Amino acid sequence: MSDKYQKWLNEPSLNEEDKKALKAMDHQTIEDAFYKDVSFGTGGIRGVIGLGTNRLNIYTVRKALYGYAKYLLKTYKQAKDLGVVIAHDNRHNSSLFAKECVGVLGAFGIKTYFFDALRPTPELSFAVRNQGACGGIMVTASHNPPKYNGLKFYDHTGCQLIPSLADQVIDYFNTVSNIFEIESLSFDQAKDQGLVTMLGQTLDETYIQNVQSIQLAESLDKIIKVVFTPLHGASREIGFQTLKQSGYDVVSVEEQMTVDPDFSTVESPNPENEAAFEKAKIVGEDVNADILIATDPDGDRLGVMAKHEGKYHFLTGNQTGAIIIHYLLSTMKEKGTLPEKGIVYNTIVTSEFGATIAKAFGMKVESTLTGFKFIGEKMHSIEDKDESFVMGYEESYGYVLADFVRDKDSIQALLMISEIANSCKHKGITLIDYLNSLYESYGYYQDHLKNIVLEGKKGEETIQEIMQYFRTYQPKSLQGRKLLAKEDYQESIIEKDGKTLPLEGFPKSNVLKFIFEDDLWFVLRPSGTEPKLKIYMNVLGKTRDESKQVLSDLESHLNKLLETLKNAKDVLQ
């Protein structure tokens, strides 16, 4: 039996209800809940809600906040007065955990700005700089299943903590010897001591005004109909109001405008999956909508479906990104406002489709590791330079168009994609027509993300086995395409032309990328926030059919390799 489990079971400060829940755990549950501590990933901490060191509960939240508070006090001289902005989504215990954040920070004398109800992640990012705070916290598990929750931590720029900063939090986090002895005020105590400032409608209005400033064709008559769903999440009011106030005919999916932490109307509250649009499609058909828009629970990701030839077609994150890039740059060119030194940021797992378009307009394209904090960091780095930020995006349905937000912003993106769809309708075409014209002009790119779900200790071991296998995998070619480079971001090396060279400009990360001729590549990356191994694939073909066949052959090849591994056989999807 786990020593950690016994310590929790014998903890005098735990109430009888919690002790009863601990005693009811079976051996497997105890192992998964206590075999390690909740760790920091690409978005802070995230885990299954429940008791245990590897679970999200008020004690692990307090431990994370202890580390964050110590980091803030060390980094910012006026941290106590500058304060921290706190927002939360609709998940189980999100409000409870948000108030625990207030309590621990309050015990350190640090003020907080607390939203009066759920708000989306991009508004939290915006609020950090708008309030002049030294940090921010978003309580969310993004689009994970209902049993999850988590915390995202931000710096004074409204950007999630990059690894060098998160490491400082982790160092303090690891100094906690007794998780039950961390001081915390109650929310009411913090309020009574003048440590809490409530945020609400006034900030909403300021944020929406900033979002509306990204429009390029604001005066164009709005002739499209939009269906919007927040999938029960935090953008339900902001998303709808932004479209409505901008003049769009928008209809909401009423069933999914409710605050439902179980996401009972969808199998998964993830707009990256077409299945999340089932309710939206019904409403869309009923009102003859031109586009359907869905945002995830914390309102940072955007998914889109567009009507074309009588049916709704689902767009991938890469396709939406390419459409937005082309519209932005072509419209700027028409207006004579195309920046001389414009930069588009993407990630190493983003398709070459959007990058090819950006470069055709003379833009510089820089890629970062996965995680929007790296894009936010890049945005901050050019603030005082003569380079102009154009757009940041990643394949996982995250976009930001104006840098008053330093994270993914579905509200900016839903307004821009609506403008593009509206512009298309004025020209008698659909978003799908627009996309097809880009394929014809820039090449038939196809991409696919394969998610292999591997939960618990055994799952983690299987992920490591797969990564180790591919770390030693040395193909000379694939489908007749020569291997150009193998990039190992954990070892910070690139193997190219028979030489091993340093891979510079990236923090260490357990990621492998294999790059072949003709824009064919694949990447393996264990998720930092979910029990998954992610395999990204990108191909280019001369025709649509050819590109689809090349992609299918690539996935089959990777499946065969995975099936040779003992522990991977039973987990392939």
Protein backbone atom coordinates (compact mmCIF):
# COMPACT_ATOMS: atom_id res chain seq x y z
CA MET A 1 0.00 0.00 0.00
CA SER A 2 1.31 3.46 -0.91
CA ASP A 3 3.01 5.41 1.91
CA LYS A 4 1.44 8.58 0.51
CA TYR A 5 -1.99 6.96 0.64
CA GLN A 6 -1.48 5.97 4.28
CA LYS A 7 -0.35 9.50 5.14
CA TRP A 8 -3.54 10.93 3.63
CA LEU A 9 -5.65 8.30 5.38
CA ASN A 10 -4.12 9.25 8.73
CA GLU A 11 -4.24 13.01 8.15
CA PRO A 12 -6.19 14.57 11.07
CA SER A 13 -7.30 17.63 9.08
CA LEU A 14 -9.18 15.50 6.51
CA ASN A 15 -12.91 15.28 7.16
CA GLU A 16 -14.73 11.99 7.60
CA GLU A 17 -16.29 12.15 4.15
CA ASP A 18 -12.85 12.34 2.50
CA LYS A 19 -11.50 9.54 4.67
CA LYS A 20 -14.49 7.39 3.73
CA ALA A 21 -13.77 8.06 0.04
CA LEU A 22 -10.12 7.10 0.54
CA LYS A 23 -11.04 3.84 2.26
CA ALA A 24 -13.39 2.97 -0.61
CA MET A 25 -10.58 3.10 -3.19
CA ASP A 26 -9.47 -0.18 -4.77
CA HIS A 27 -5.81 -1.05 -5.38
CA GLN A 28 -5.70 0.27 -8.97
CA THR A 29 -7.35 3.56 -7.99
CA ILE A 30 -4.89 4.03 -5.11
CA GLU A 31 -1.94 3.41 -7.44
CA ASP A 32 -3.16 5.90 -10.06
CA ALA A 33 -4.06 8.52 -7.43
CA PHE A 34 -0.80 8.31 -5.48
CA TYR A 35 1.98 6.89 -7.68
CA LYS A 36 3.22 10.41 -8.45
CA ASP A 37 2.44 14.06 -7.75
CA VAL A 38 0.42 16.21 -10.15
CA SER A 39 3.01 17.70 -12.48
CA PHE A 40 3.23 20.86 -14.56
CA GLY A 41 2.63 20.34 -18.29
CA THR A 42 2.21 22.60 -21.32
CA GLY A 43 -0.63 24.50 -19.66
CA GLY A 44 0.13 24.45 -15.92
CA ILE A 45 -1.32 21.57 -13.91
CA ARG A 46 -4.15 19.32 -14.95
CA GLY A 47 -5.58 16.06 -13.71
CA VAL A 48 -8.55 13.97 -12.69
CA ILE A 49 -10.62 15.53 -9.89
CA GLY A 50 -10.41 13.57 -6.66
CA LEU A 51 -8.33 12.75 -3.60
CA GLY A 52 -4.66 11.92 -3.96
CA THR A 53 -1.32 13.47 -4.87
CA ASN A 54 -1.94 12.76 -8.56
CA ARG A 55 -5.42 14.27 -8.49
CA LEU A 56 -6.92 17.78 -8.55
CA ASN A 57 -8.26 18.71 -5.12
CA ILE A 58 -8.00 21.71 -2.80
CA TYR A 59 -4.71 20.39 -1.38
CA THR A 60 -2.88 19.95 -4.70
CA VAL A 61 -4.34 23.30 -5.83
CA ARG A 62 -2.96 24.94 -2.68
CA LYS A 63 0.43 23.36 -3.31
CA ALA A 64 0.50 24.77 -6.85
CA LEU A 65 -0.58 28.18 -5.57
CA TYR A 66 2.12 28.13 -2.88
CA GLY A 67 4.73 27.70 -5.62
CA TYR A 68 3.17 30.39 -7.79
CA ALA A 69 2.88 32.88 -4.90
CA LYS A 70 6.54 32.41 -3.93
CA TYR A 71 7.54 32.89 -7.58
CA LEU A 72 5.50 36.12 -7.85
CA LEU A 73 6.96 37.58 -4.65
CA LYS A 74 10.49 36.82 -5.86
CA THR A 75 9.93 38.13 -9.40
CA TYR A 76 7.84 41.29 -8.82
CA LYS A 77 8.75 43.77 -6.09
CA GLN A 78 5.18 45.08 -5.93
CA ALA A 79 3.52 41.69 -6.37
CA LYS A 80 1.20 42.13 -3.37
CA ASP A 81 -0.29 45.36 -4.74
CA LEU A 82 -0.12 44.50 -8.46
CA GLY A 83 -2.22 41.43 -7.82
CA VAL A 84 -3.33 38.43 -9.85
CA VAL A 85 -6.39 38.06 -12.12
CA ILE A 86 -8.40 34.86 -11.58
CA ALA A 87 -11.02 33.38 -13.90
CA HIS A 88 -12.66 29.98 -14.18
CA ASP A 89 -14.72 27.88 -16.57
CA ASN A 90 -17.82 25.72 -16.02
CA ARG A 91 -16.20 22.52 -14.79
CA HIS A 92 -16.79 20.61 -11.59
CA ASN A 93 -15.05 22.45 -8.72
CA SER A 94 -13.82 25.29 -10.98
CA SER A 95 -15.43 27.94 -8.77
CA LEU A 96 -14.16 26.18 -5.62
CA PHE A 97 -10.61 25.97 -6.95
CA ALA A 98 -10.70 29.60 -8.11
CA LYS A 99 -11.62 30.69 -4.59
CA GLU A 100 -8.83 28.51 -3.19
CA CYS A 101 -6.46 30.46 -5.44
CA VAL A 102 -7.72 33.67 -3.83
CA GLY A 103 -7.26 32.13 -0.38
CA VAL A 104 -3.65 31.00 -0.79
CA LEU A 105 -2.57 34.22 -2.51
CA GLY A 106 -4.43 36.16 0.17
CA ALA A 107 -2.49 34.34 2.89
CA PHE A 108 0.66 35.76 1.27
CA GLY A 109 -0.92 39.22 1.19
CA ILE A 110 -1.30 39.20 -2.61
CA LYS A 111 -4.39 40.97 -3.98
CA THR A 112 -6.60 39.35 -6.58
CA TYR A 113 -9.01 40.44 -9.32
CA PHE A 114 -11.83 37.91 -9.40
CA PHE A 115 -14.39 37.57 -12.20
CA ASP A 116 -17.97 37.53 -10.95
CA ALA A 117 -18.84 34.47 -13.09
CA LEU A 118 -17.22 32.17 -15.63
CA ARG A 119 -15.13 33.87 -18.34
CA PRO A 120 -13.05 32.57 -21.27
CA THR A 121 -9.28 32.17 -21.18
CA PRO A 122 -8.56 34.98 -23.70
CA GLU A 123 -10.44 37.49 -21.55
CA LEU A 124 -8.33 36.40 -18.58
CA SER A 125 -5.17 37.01 -20.66
CA PHE A 126 -6.50 40.42 -21.71
CA ALA A 127 -7.45 41.34 -18.14
CA VAL A 128 -3.94 40.74 -16.79
CA ARG A 129 -2.48 43.65 -18.77
CA ASN A 130 -5.66 45.71 -18.62
CA GLN A 131 -5.53 45.64 -14.80
CA GLY A 132 -1.75 46.00 -14.63
CA ALA A 133 -1.52 42.73 -12.69
CA CYS A 134 1.65 40.69 -12.25
CA GLY A 135 -0.03 37.43 -13.16
CA GLY A 136 -3.15 35.46 -13.90
CA ILE A 137 -4.74 32.09 -13.23
CA MET A 138 -7.33 30.29 -15.35
CA VAL A 139 -9.09 27.37 -13.67
CA THR A 140 -9.91 24.95 -16.49
CA ALA A 141 -9.08 21.63 -18.08
CA SER A 142 -9.80 23.03 -21.54
CA HIS A 143 -11.59 20.36 -23.64
CA ASN A 144 -10.73 17.34 -21.45
CA PRO A 145 -13.52 14.98 -20.29
CA PRO A 146 -15.70 16.09 -17.34
CA LYS A 147 -13.63 14.24 -14.72
CA TYR A 148 -10.68 16.61 -15.28
CA ASN A 149 -9.79 20.07 -14.04
CA GLY A 150 -6.64 22.16 -13.87
CA LEU A 151 -4.91 25.53 -13.54
CA LYS A 152 -3.14 27.64 -16.15
CA PHE A 153 -0.63 30.19 -14.81
CA TYR A 154 0.22 33.50 -16.50
CA ASP A 155 2.90 36.18 -16.24
CA HIS A 156 2.41 39.96 -16.30
CA THR A 157 2.10 40.01 -20.12
CA GLY A 158 -0.93 37.72 -20.09
CA CYS A 159 1.16 34.86 -21.47
CA GLN A 160 1.20 31.39 -19.93
CA LEU A 161 4.41 30.73 -18.03
CA ILE A 162 7.20 29.54 -20.32
CA PRO A 163 9.32 26.62 -19.02
CA SER A 164 12.08 28.78 -17.49
CA LEU A 165 9.45 30.59 -15.38
CA ALA A 166 7.35 27.50 -14.68
CA ASP A 167 10.52 25.78 -13.44
CA GLN A 168 10.83 28.45 -10.74
CA VAL A 169 7.26 27.76 -9.65
CA ILE A 170 8.01 24.04 -9.65
CA ASP A 171 11.12 24.55 -7.50
CA TYR A 172 8.98 26.23 -4.82
CA PHE A 173 6.20 23.68 -5.39
CA ASN A 174 8.67 20.90 -4.60
CA THR A 175 9.74 22.48 -1.30
CA VAL A 176 6.32 21.75 0.24
CA SER A 177 6.88 18.98 2.76
CA ASN A 178 3.34 18.81 4.12
CA ILE A 179 0.57 19.61 1.67
CA PHE A 180 -1.93 19.94 4.52
CA GLU A 181 -0.08 22.77 6.28
CA ILE A 182 -0.31 25.40 3.52
CA GLU A 183 -2.01 28.53 4.82
CA SER A 184 -5.16 29.68 3.05
CA LEU A 185 -7.77 32.31 3.82
CA SER A 186 -11.41 31.72 3.09
CA PHE A 187 -12.77 33.72 0.15
CA ASP A 188 -14.84 35.86 2.52
CA GLN A 189 -11.81 36.52 4.74
CA ALA A 190 -9.83 37.71 1.71
CA LYS A 191 -12.71 40.00 0.70
CA ASP A 192 -13.07 41.37 4.22
CA GLN A 193 -9.36 42.20 4.26
CA GLY A 194 -9.70 44.20 1.03
CA LEU A 195 -7.67 41.70 -0.98
CA VAL A 196 -10.32 41.00 -3.65
CA THR A 197 -11.53 43.27 -6.48
CA MET A 198 -14.48 41.93 -8.47
CA LEU A 199 -14.45 42.12 -12.27
CA GLY A 200 -17.53 42.03 -14.49
CA GLN A 201 -19.45 43.73 -17.28
CA THR A 202 -17.22 46.80 -17.60
CA LEU A 203 -14.22 44.66 -18.45
CA ASP A 204 -16.36 42.55 -20.81
CA GLU A 205 -17.25 45.67 -22.78
CA THR A 206 -13.63 46.82 -22.99
CA TYR A 207 -12.54 43.39 -24.19
CA ILE A 208 -15.27 43.20 -26.85
CA GLN A 209 -14.30 46.67 -28.13
CA ASN A 210 -10.72 45.46 -28.54
CA VAL A 211 -11.89 42.32 -30.35
CA GLN A 212 -14.00 44.39 -32.75
CA SER A 213 -10.90 46.42 -33.68
CA ILE A 214 -9.52 43.45 -35.67
CA GLN A 215 -12.24 43.77 -38.36
CA LEU A 216 -11.04 44.62 -41.86
CA ALA A 217 -14.46 44.97 -43.54
CA GLU A 218 -16.53 46.37 -40.68
CA SER A 219 -18.79 48.42 -42.97
CA LEU A 220 -19.69 45.51 -45.27
CA ASP A 221 -23.37 44.53 -44.87
CA LYS A 222 -23.76 41.41 -42.75
CA ILE A 223 -25.70 38.97 -44.93
CA ILE A 224 -24.72 35.62 -43.38
CA LYS A 225 -26.43 33.66 -40.64
CA VAL A 226 -24.20 32.20 -37.92
CA VAL A 227 -24.95 29.39 -35.46
CA PHE A 228 -22.89 29.62 -32.28
CA THR A 229 -22.33 27.09 -29.50
CA PRO A 230 -20.00 27.42 -26.51
CA LEU A 231 -20.43 23.69 -25.77
CA HIS A 232 -21.63 24.68 -22.26
CA GLY A 233 -18.45 26.65 -21.70
CA ALA A 234 -17.12 30.02 -20.64
CA SER A 235 -17.54 31.95 -23.90
CA ARG A 236 -21.33 31.59 -23.97
CA GLU A 237 -22.06 35.28 -23.32
CA ILE A 238 -18.92 36.95 -24.71
CA GLY A 239 -18.97 34.94 -27.94
CA PHE A 240 -22.63 35.57 -28.64
CA GLN A 241 -22.46 39.28 -27.72
CA THR A 242 -19.37 39.89 -29.86
CA LEU A 243 -21.13 38.57 -32.96
CA LYS A 244 -24.43 40.28 -32.14
CA GLN A 245 -22.87 43.67 -31.41
CA SER A 246 -20.85 43.40 -34.63
CA GLY A 247 -24.08 43.17 -36.62
CA TYR A 248 -24.25 39.45 -37.38
CA ASP A 249 -27.46 37.43 -37.46
CA VAL A 250 -26.43 34.87 -34.85
CA VAL A 251 -28.48 31.99 -33.45
CA SER A 252 -27.27 30.09 -30.39
CA VAL A 253 -27.62 26.38 -29.68
CA GLU A 254 -29.81 26.87 -26.62
CA GLU A 255 -29.23 23.39 -25.18
CA GLN A 256 -25.51 24.13 -25.03
CA MET A 257 -25.73 27.66 -23.60
CA THR A 258 -26.28 26.17 -20.14
CA VAL A 259 -23.48 25.82 -17.58
CA ASP A 260 -23.24 22.04 -17.57
CA PRO A 261 -20.03 20.59 -16.08
CA ASP A 262 -20.94 17.13 -17.39
CA PHE A 263 -21.22 18.37 -21.00
CA SER A 264 -24.25 16.11 -21.25
CA THR A 265 -25.18 17.07 -24.83
CA VAL A 266 -21.84 16.03 -26.36
CA GLU A 267 -19.62 12.97 -26.20
CA SER A 268 -16.59 15.28 -25.96
CA PRO A 269 -16.68 19.10 -25.53
CA ASN A 270 -13.95 19.52 -28.12
CA PRO A 271 -14.52 21.60 -31.28
CA GLU A 272 -11.59 19.73 -32.84
CA ASN A 273 -14.04 16.83 -33.26
CA GLU A 274 -16.83 17.06 -35.81
CA ALA A 275 -19.09 15.11 -33.43
CA ALA A 276 -19.22 18.16 -31.14
CA PHE A 277 -21.25 19.93 -33.86
CA GLU A 278 -24.20 17.52 -33.92
CA LYS A 279 -26.58 19.90 -32.11
CA ALA A 280 -25.25 22.90 -34.03
CA LYS A 281 -25.91 21.13 -37.35
CA ILE A 282 -29.54 20.54 -36.40
CA VAL A 283 -30.00 24.23 -35.59
CA GLY A 284 -28.04 25.19 -38.69
CA GLU A 285 -30.27 23.16 -40.96
CA ASP A 286 -33.34 24.60 -39.30
CA VAL A 287 -32.31 28.25 -39.81
CA ASN A 288 -30.26 27.69 -43.01
CA ALA A 289 -27.06 29.02 -41.43
CA ASP A 290 -23.97 29.69 -43.55
CA ILE A 291 -21.48 28.73 -40.85
CA LEU A 292 -21.47 26.90 -37.52
CA ILE A 293 -19.05 28.01 -34.80
CA ALA A 294 -18.11 26.10 -31.64
CA THR A 295 -15.75 27.08 -28.84
CA ASP A 296 -14.32 24.78 -26.20
CA PRO A 297 -15.12 24.95 -22.44
CA ASP A 298 -12.55 27.63 -21.60
CA GLY A 299 -13.18 29.54 -24.82
CA ASP A 300 -9.72 29.59 -26.33
CA ARG A 301 -10.23 27.12 -29.22
CA LEU A 302 -12.50 27.58 -32.23
CA GLY A 303 -14.02 24.98 -34.54
CA VAL A 304 -15.87 25.81 -37.77
CA MET A 305 -18.25 24.10 -40.18
CA ALA A 306 -19.32 25.78 -43.41
CA LYS A 307 -22.30 25.09 -45.66
CA HIS A 308 -21.37 24.14 -49.20
CA GLU A 309 -23.60 22.55 -51.82
CA GLY A 310 -26.30 21.91 -49.23
CA LYS A 311 -24.10 20.19 -46.63
CA TYR A 312 -21.98 21.32 -43.67
CA HIS A 313 -18.27 20.67 -44.08
CA PHE A 314 -15.89 20.47 -41.13
CA LEU A 315 -12.68 22.51 -41.27
CA THR A 316 -9.45 21.38 -39.63
CA GLY A 317 -7.45 23.81 -37.54
CA ASN A 318 -4.84 24.02 -40.28
CA GLN A 319 -7.46 24.79 -42.93
CA THR A 320 -9.05 27.54 -40.83
CA GLY A 321 -5.60 28.97 -40.14
CA ALA A 322 -4.72 29.02 -43.84
CA ILE A 323 -8.02 30.73 -44.72
CA ILE A 324 -7.52 33.44 -42.09
CA ILE A 325 -3.88 34.04 -43.09
CA HIS A 326 -4.77 34.44 -46.75
CA TYR A 327 -7.73 36.71 -46.06
CA LEU A 328 -5.71 38.92 -43.71
CA LEU A 329 -2.75 39.28 -46.05
CA SER A 330 -4.71 39.64 -49.30
CA THR A 331 -7.01 42.25 -47.73
CA MET A 332 -4.06 44.16 -46.28
CA LYS A 333 -2.41 44.09 -49.70
CA GLU A 334 -5.55 45.52 -51.32
CA LYS A 335 -5.66 48.27 -48.67
CA GLY A 336 -1.96 48.98 -48.99
CA THR A 337 -1.37 48.11 -45.33
CA LEU A 338 0.68 44.93 -45.77
CA PRO A 339 3.55 45.17 -43.26
CA GLU A 340 7.08 45.21 -44.66
CA LYS A 341 8.40 43.05 -41.86
CA GLY A 342 5.38 41.00 -40.89
CA ILE A 343 5.65 37.80 -38.86
CA VAL A 344 3.33 34.82 -38.64
CA TYR A 345 3.95 32.40 -35.77
CA ASN A 346 2.99 28.75 -35.84
CA THR A 347 4.28 25.56 -34.21
CA ILE A 348 6.46 22.66 -35.33
CA VAL A 349 3.33 20.49 -35.71
CA THR A 350 1.38 23.01 -37.79
CA SER A 351 0.84 22.20 -41.49
CA GLU A 352 3.00 23.92 -44.10
CA PHE A 353 -0.20 25.12 -45.81
CA GLY A 354 -0.53 28.43 -43.96
CA ALA A 355 3.22 29.01 -43.89
CA THR A 356 3.40 28.63 -47.68
CA ILE A 357 0.67 31.27 -48.07
CA ALA A 358 2.32 33.67 -45.62
CA LYS A 359 5.69 33.40 -47.35
CA ALA A 360 4.05 34.05 -50.73
CA PHE A 361 3.02 37.46 -49.35
CA GLY A 362 6.55 38.15 -48.16
CA MET A 363 5.90 37.36 -44.51
CA LYS A 364 8.41 35.74 -42.20
CA VAL A 365 7.20 32.52 -40.56
CA GLU A 366 8.62 31.33 -37.24
CA SER A 367 7.76 28.02 -35.61
CA THR A 368 7.74 27.29 -31.89
CA LEU A 369 7.23 24.20 -29.79
CA THR A 370 3.62 23.16 -29.17
CA GLY A 371 1.96 25.32 -26.53
CA PHE A 372 0.63 28.81 -27.15
CA LYS A 373 2.87 30.22 -24.41
CA PHE A 374 5.76 29.98 -26.85
CA ILE A 375 3.84 32.05 -29.39
CA GLY A 376 2.91 34.53 -26.65
CA GLU A 377 6.59 34.79 -25.71
CA LYS A 378 7.50 35.55 -29.35
CA MET A 379 4.78 38.21 -29.53
CA HIS A 380 6.24 39.92 -26.47
CA SER A 381 9.78 39.74 -27.87
CA ILE A 382 8.99 41.95 -30.89
CA GLU A 383 7.07 44.66 -29.01
CA ASP A 384 9.85 47.21 -29.33
CA LYS A 385 11.19 46.08 -32.71
CA ASP A 386 10.36 47.14 -36.26
CA GLU A 387 8.74 43.75 -36.96
CA SER A 388 4.95 43.53 -37.09
CA PHE A 389 2.88 40.76 -35.57
CA VAL A 390 0.36 39.45 -38.12
CA MET A 391 -1.03 36.27 -36.60
CA GLY A 392 -0.22 33.35 -34.33
CA TYR A 393 -1.88 29.97 -34.66
CA GLU A 394 -1.51 26.24 -34.20
CA GLU A 395 -3.15 23.18 -35.72
CA SER A 396 -5.11 22.49 -32.54
CA TYR A 397 -7.70 25.17 -33.38
CA GLY A 398 -5.99 28.08 -31.61
CA TYR A 399 -5.62 31.53 -33.21
CA VAL A 400 -4.72 35.06 -32.14
CA LEU A 401 -4.83 38.04 -34.51
CA ALA A 402 -4.13 41.05 -32.30
CA ASP A 403 -1.70 41.06 -29.43
CA PHE A 404 -3.90 42.56 -26.73
CA VAL A 405 -4.30 38.85 -25.91
CA ARG A 406 -1.25 36.63 -25.51
CA ASP A 407 -3.02 33.29 -25.72
CA LYS A 408 -5.39 31.50 -28.07
CA ASP A 409 -8.46 33.67 -28.61
CA SER A 410 -11.58 32.02 -30.00
CA ILE A 411 -13.47 35.33 -29.74
CA GLN A 412 -11.08 37.11 -32.12
CA ALA A 413 -11.15 34.06 -34.37
CA LEU A 414 -14.96 33.66 -34.46
CA LEU A 415 -15.35 37.32 -35.44
CA MET A 416 -12.72 37.05 -38.19
CA ILE A 417 -14.02 33.77 -39.66
CA SER A 418 -17.52 35.31 -39.71
CA GLU A 419 -16.15 38.31 -41.60
CA ILE A 420 -14.47 36.02 -44.13
CA ALA A 421 -17.64 33.95 -44.62
CA ASN A 422 -19.62 37.19 -45.03
CA SER A 423 -17.14 38.52 -47.60
CA CYS A 424 -17.36 35.20 -49.47
CA LYS A 425 -21.17 35.34 -49.59
CA HIS A 426 -21.02 38.84 -51.08
CA LYS A 427 -18.92 37.28 -53.86
CA GLY A 428 -21.31 34.37 -54.32
CA ILE A 429 -18.96 31.74 -52.90
CA THR A 430 -18.64 29.72 -49.67
CA LEU A 431 -15.76 29.21 -47.25
CA ILE A 432 -15.22 25.81 -48.90
CA ASP A 433 -14.92 27.48 -52.32
CA TYR A 434 -12.37 29.83 -50.77
CA LEU A 435 -10.43 26.90 -49.30
CA ASN A 436 -10.45 25.03 -52.61
CA SER A 437 -9.04 28.08 -54.39
CA LEU A 438 -6.16 28.11 -51.89
CA TYR A 439 -5.43 24.44 -52.60
CA GLU A 440 -5.34 25.17 -56.32
CA SER A 441 -2.97 28.08 -55.80
CA TYR A 442 -0.64 26.76 -53.08
CA GLY A 443 -0.84 22.96 -53.23
CA TYR A 444 -3.00 20.15 -51.89
CA TYR A 445 -1.92 19.84 -48.26
CA GLN A 446 -3.46 17.21 -46.02
CA ASP A 447 -2.91 16.77 -42.30
CA HIS A 448 -4.03 14.33 -39.64
CA LEU A 449 -3.64 14.04 -35.87
CA LYS A 450 -3.72 10.54 -34.40
CA ASN A 451 -4.44 10.50 -30.66
CA ILE A 452 -3.53 7.36 -28.71
CA VAL A 453 -5.12 7.50 -25.26
CA LEU A 454 -2.93 5.84 -22.61
CA GLU A 455 -4.13 6.40 -19.05
CA GLY A 456 -2.48 5.66 -15.73
CA LYS A 457 0.97 4.37 -14.85
CA LYS A 458 0.96 1.61 -17.48
CA GLY A 459 -0.11 4.12 -20.14
CA GLU A 460 2.75 6.42 -19.23
CA GLU A 461 5.20 3.52 -19.53
CA THR A 462 3.80 2.61 -22.96
CA ILE A 463 4.24 6.19 -24.19
CA GLN A 464 7.87 6.12 -23.09
CA GLU A 465 8.39 2.78 -24.87
CA ILE A 466 7.00 4.19 -28.13
CA MET A 467 9.09 7.36 -27.88
CA GLN A 468 12.25 5.36 -27.19
CA TYR A 469 11.58 3.13 -30.20
CA PHE A 470 11.21 6.10 -32.55
CA ARG A 471 14.25 7.80 -31.02
CA THR A 472 16.30 4.94 -32.47
CA TYR A 473 14.23 4.67 -35.70
CA GLN A 474 16.41 5.64 -38.68
CA PRO A 475 14.52 5.41 -42.02
CA LYS A 476 16.45 6.51 -45.11
CA SER A 477 13.23 7.18 -47.00
CA LEU A 478 9.46 6.86 -46.76
CA GLN A 479 7.09 6.27 -49.69
CA GLY A 480 9.92 7.05 -52.07
CA ARG A 481 10.70 10.34 -50.33
CA LYS A 482 14.17 10.81 -48.91
CA LEU A 483 14.59 11.59 -45.19
CA LEU A 484 15.85 15.18 -45.00
CA ALA A 485 16.10 15.55 -41.22
CA LYS A 486 15.28 13.97 -37.88
CA GLU A 487 14.76 16.49 -35.10
CA ASP A 488 14.99 15.39 -31.45
CA TYR A 489 13.84 18.23 -29.22
CA GLN A 490 14.64 16.35 -26.01
CA GLU A 491 18.26 15.83 -26.96
CA SER A 492 18.37 19.21 -28.82
CA ILE A 493 19.89 17.63 -31.91
CA ILE A 494 19.08 17.43 -35.59
CA GLU A 495 20.35 14.59 -37.77
CA LYS A 496 20.84 15.81 -41.32
CA ASP A 497 23.02 14.76 -44.28
CA GLY A 498 24.74 12.15 -42.14
CA LYS A 499 25.69 14.70 -39.50
CA THR A 500 24.41 15.37 -35.99
CA LEU A 501 24.04 19.09 -35.35
CA PRO A 502 22.71 21.14 -32.42
CA LEU A 503 19.02 22.05 -32.60
CA GLU A 504 18.96 25.59 -31.27
CA GLY A 505 16.28 28.05 -30.22
CA PHE A 506 13.96 25.57 -28.52
CA PRO A 507 13.68 24.47 -24.87
CA LYS A 508 14.07 20.74 -24.31
CA SER A 509 10.87 18.80 -24.92
CA ASN A 510 10.06 15.14 -25.51
CA VAL A 511 9.23 15.58 -29.20
CA LEU A 512 10.51 13.86 -32.36
CA LYS A 513 10.02 15.14 -35.91
CA PHE A 514 10.85 13.23 -39.10
CA ILE A 515 11.02 15.41 -42.22
CA PHE A 516 11.01 13.94 -45.74
CA GLU A 517 11.03 15.37 -49.25
CA ASP A 518 7.93 17.07 -50.71
CA ASP A 519 6.65 18.47 -47.39
CA LEU A 520 5.95 15.05 -45.89
CA TRP A 521 6.61 14.86 -42.16
CA PHE A 522 5.36 13.30 -38.96
CA VAL A 523 5.82 14.21 -35.31
CA LEU A 524 5.46 12.20 -32.11
CA ARG A 525 4.66 14.15 -28.93
CA PRO A 526 3.31 12.96 -25.58
CA SER A 527 0.66 15.45 -24.47
CA GLY A 528 1.67 17.65 -21.57
CA THR A 529 -1.90 17.94 -20.28
CA GLU A 530 -3.69 14.72 -21.25
CA PRO A 531 -2.87 10.98 -21.04
CA LYS A 532 -2.23 10.80 -24.77
CA LEU A 533 0.48 10.22 -27.33
CA LYS A 534 -0.10 12.55 -30.26
CA ILE A 535 1.13 11.70 -33.75
CA TYR A 536 0.91 14.56 -36.26
CA MET A 537 1.13 13.97 -40.02
CA ASN A 538 1.48 16.41 -42.90
CA VAL A 539 1.66 15.65 -46.63
CA LEU A 540 1.51 17.50 -49.95
CA GLY A 541 0.14 16.11 -53.20
CA LYS A 542 -0.28 17.32 -56.78
CA THR A 543 -4.02 16.61 -56.56
CA ARG A 544 -6.53 16.18 -53.74
CA ASP A 545 -6.80 12.42 -54.37
CA GLU A 546 -3.03 11.99 -54.42
CA SER A 547 -2.56 13.87 -51.15
CA LYS A 548 -5.28 11.80 -49.44
CA GLN A 549 -3.62 8.57 -50.63
CA VAL A 550 -0.20 9.69 -49.44
CA LEU A 551 -1.67 10.54 -46.02
CA SER A 552 -3.45 7.18 -45.81
CA ASP A 553 -0.24 5.33 -46.70
CA LEU A 554 1.71 7.31 -44.10
CA GLU A 555 -0.75 6.44 -41.33
CA SER A 556 -0.73 2.76 -42.34
CA HIS A 557 3.06 2.72 -42.21
CA LEU A 558 3.12 4.24 -38.71
CA ASN A 559 0.43 1.82 -37.50
CA LYS A 560 2.54 -1.14 -38.63
CA LEU A 561 5.54 0.21 -36.73
CA LEU A 562 3.46 0.70 -33.57
CA GLU A 563 2.00 -2.80 -33.82
CA THR A 564 5.50 -4.28 -33.50
CA LEU A 565 5.74 -2.85 -29.98
CA LYS A 566 4.57 -5.18 -27.23
CA ASN A 567 2.60 -2.71 -25.08
CA ALA A 568 1.18 -0.68 -27.97
CA LYS A 569 -0.80 -3.44 -29.68
CA ASP A 570 -3.94 -3.06 -27.60
CA VAL A 571 -4.11 0.73 -27.52
CA LEU A 572 -4.21 1.76 -31.17
CA GLN A 573 -7.35 3.65 -32.22
